[in-house]
């Protein structure tokens, strides 16, 4: 068993090349090798979101605070709120983040293949975000 104490979890600024707006994240769990499951708590300020991306092993989101939006390519944008659980199958192109007026926090759980847990793509345009 390995327990990470809350006092030992630190937030870092999310990489600007993968996010639009102010985003911070806390690593809750990291795999020991090139394959495994990671978990992050991600804080999005109002208007912030991920770039379009996919996950080789899929991704599970658990919304814990605020209100957010998410969208899978070719589908309508969806509102997500605390307690909502979202599953993106492997390879599904999507984005997620806060709404334009509310911050949002979610826990993201994803597997990795050969050390890669996400395939990052272009930023989400304001048109796609607000539409």
Foldseek 3Di string as FASTA:
>chain_A
DDDDDPVNWDKDWDDPQFKDATKIKTWPDDDPDQKDKTKIKMKFAAPMKTAWKFFQAWKKKAWAAKKKWKDWPPDDIDIDHHRDMDIGGGPTTMMMAHHNHMMTIIMMMFIGHRNDGMDGDGGDDPVNRVD
